[in-house]
Amino acid sequence: MTAHFGLKKIRLNLARTKEFPNGSARHGYEFIAPLDAEDHIDPASWKAHKEHCRVRRFWADEEEDIGHLRHRPGGSWGFHYDIEGDEDDEAGYRFNTHPFRPGEYVSIKDDDGELHTFQVVTVQDL
């Protein structure tokens, strides 16, 4: 029997860049995902709760994009904007191996193919 883990709300803020030397709380993502005991996204629990695994992309003054966390063939993860907004899918870089804990860094490849680094700011129980 597979253990199912509780859903978490994870906030990612843009990490330091040339344009934002202190990072930016106005650029990032909030998404819901089940995390296992090592704080990795749990694929089995995601499959059971995927309709709840939503994402909100916020980018300064741009319109927010709303979609879902998707598990892709080969085990990678991405964001699919099928609800609101005008963004194409975005890919989480090595999301399958990264722990989602405050202070950790993850990268996301945007719809233009650019890789951006984000810091995990909060991980909250739902």
Protein backbone atom coordinates (compact mmCIF):
# COMPACT_ATOMS: atom_id res chain seq x y z
CA MET A 1 0.00 0.00 0.00
CA THR A 2 1.34 3.42 -0.94
CA ALA A 3 1.48 6.09 1.73
CA HIS A 4 -0.24 9.34 0.80
CA PHE A 5 1.19 12.57 2.06
CA GLY A 6 -0.54 15.79 2.96
CA LEU A 7 -0.85 18.58 0.46
CA LYS A 8 1.40 21.59 0.94
CA LYS A 9 1.20 25.14 -0.37
CA ILE A 10 4.65 26.11 -1.60
CA ARG A 11 5.72 29.66 -2.40
CA LEU A 12 8.69 30.39 -4.65
CA ASN A 13 10.12 33.91 -5.00
CA LEU A 14 12.57 34.97 -7.68
CA ALA A 15 16.12 34.59 -6.40
CA ARG A 16 18.88 37.16 -6.95
CA THR A 17 19.39 38.23 -10.55
CA LYS A 18 21.20 41.06 -12.28
CA GLU A 19 17.89 42.89 -12.55
CA PHE A 20 16.85 42.04 -8.95
CA PRO A 21 20.03 41.86 -6.80
CA ASN A 22 17.94 41.13 -3.68
CA GLY A 23 15.52 38.80 -5.43
CA SER A 24 11.85 39.69 -5.84
CA ALA A 25 8.74 38.80 -3.86
CA ARG A 26 6.68 40.20 -6.77
CA HIS A 27 7.89 37.48 -9.17
CA GLY A 28 7.22 33.84 -8.44
CA TYR A 29 4.85 30.96 -7.98
CA GLU A 30 2.53 29.47 -5.42
CA PHE A 31 1.59 25.86 -5.98
CA ILE A 32 0.05 22.94 -4.17
CA ALA A 33 1.81 19.58 -4.11
CA PRO A 34 2.01 16.50 -1.89
CA LEU A 35 5.44 16.14 -0.30
CA ASP A 36 6.96 12.95 1.05
CA ALA A 37 9.02 12.56 4.25
CA GLU A 38 12.11 13.97 2.45
CA ASP A 39 10.12 16.99 1.16
CA HIS A 40 10.12 15.76 -2.46
CA ILE A 41 6.97 15.83 -4.58
CA ASP A 42 5.27 12.45 -4.16
CA PRO A 43 4.08 11.12 -7.57
CA ALA A 44 1.63 8.52 -6.18
CA SER A 45 -0.07 11.02 -3.91
CA TRP A 46 -0.07 13.61 -6.74
CA LYS A 47 -1.89 11.11 -8.96
CA ALA A 48 -4.57 10.65 -6.29
CA HIS A 49 -4.97 14.41 -5.73
CA LYS A 50 -3.86 16.01 -9.01
CA GLU A 51 -7.05 18.06 -9.39
CA HIS A 52 -6.03 19.92 -6.19
CA CYS A 53 -2.43 20.53 -7.32
CA ARG A 54 -2.85 24.04 -8.69
CA VAL A 55 -0.30 26.70 -9.55
CA ARG A 56 -0.48 30.48 -9.57
CA ARG A 57 2.24 32.37 -11.43
CA PHE A 58 2.63 36.02 -10.40
CA TRP A 59 4.99 38.31 -12.28
CA ALA A 60 4.95 41.91 -11.04
CA ASP A 61 2.24 43.83 -12.89
CA GLU A 62 1.45 41.10 -15.43
CA GLU A 63 -1.80 39.15 -15.32
CA GLU A 64 -1.59 36.11 -13.05
CA ASP A 65 -1.52 32.71 -14.72
CA ILE A 66 -3.47 29.87 -13.14
CA GLY A 67 -2.97 26.20 -13.94
CA HIS A 68 -1.99 22.78 -12.62
CA LEU A 69 1.13 20.93 -11.53
CA ARG A 70 1.71 18.13 -14.06
CA HIS A 71 3.82 14.99 -13.85
CA ARG A 72 5.41 14.49 -17.25
CA PRO A 73 6.61 11.36 -19.02
CA GLY A 74 10.05 10.41 -17.73
CA GLY A 75 9.31 11.69 -14.22
CA SER A 76 9.79 15.44 -14.65
CA TRP A 77 7.34 18.05 -13.38
CA GLY A 78 5.91 21.15 -14.97
CA PHE A 79 3.18 23.76 -14.78
CA HIS A 80 0.35 23.63 -17.31
CA TYR A 81 -1.69 26.82 -17.64
CA ASP A 82 -5.05 25.52 -18.69
CA ILE A 83 -7.27 27.78 -16.61
CA GLU A 84 -6.26 31.45 -17.00
CA GLY A 85 -3.46 33.46 -18.47
CA ASP A 86 -1.48 33.37 -21.68
CA GLU A 87 1.64 31.40 -20.73
CA ASP A 88 2.69 28.16 -22.36
CA ASP A 89 3.74 25.24 -20.18
CA GLU A 90 6.78 25.73 -17.96
CA ALA A 91 9.19 23.03 -16.77
CA GLY A 92 10.51 22.57 -13.26
CA TYR A 93 14.22 21.80 -13.54
CA ARG A 94 14.92 18.57 -11.63
CA PHE A 95 11.81 19.05 -9.46
CA ASN A 96 11.79 15.26 -9.02
CA THR A 97 15.07 15.42 -7.03
CA HIS A 98 14.79 18.78 -5.23
CA PRO A 99 13.51 19.00 -1.67
CA PHE A 100 10.93 21.75 -1.16
CA ARG A 101 12.05 23.35 2.10
CA PRO A 102 12.30 27.04 3.00
CA GLY A 103 15.70 28.36 1.96
CA GLU A 104 16.25 25.80 -0.83
CA TYR A 105 16.59 26.89 -4.46
CA VAL A 106 14.85 25.47 -7.52
CA SER A 107 14.83 26.46 -11.17
CA ILE A 108 11.99 26.77 -13.67
CA LYS A 109 12.31 27.02 -17.42
CA ASP A 110 9.75 29.54 -18.65
CA ASP A 111 7.75 29.40 -21.85
CA ASP A 112 10.56 31.27 -23.67
CA GLY A 113 13.08 28.60 -22.67
CA GLU A 114 14.85 30.81 -20.10
CA LEU A 115 15.88 29.21 -16.83
CA HIS A 116 15.09 31.26 -13.69
CA THR A 117 16.12 30.43 -10.13
CA PHE A 118 13.66 30.73 -7.25
CA GLN A 119 13.97 30.39 -3.50
CA VAL A 120 11.47 28.33 -1.55
CA VAL A 121 10.04 30.90 0.86
CA THR A 122 7.25 28.99 2.62
CA VAL A 123 5.86 25.46 2.78
CA GLN A 124 2.52 25.35 4.57
CA ASP A 125 0.16 22.51 5.43
CA LEU A 126 -3.25 22.74 3.80
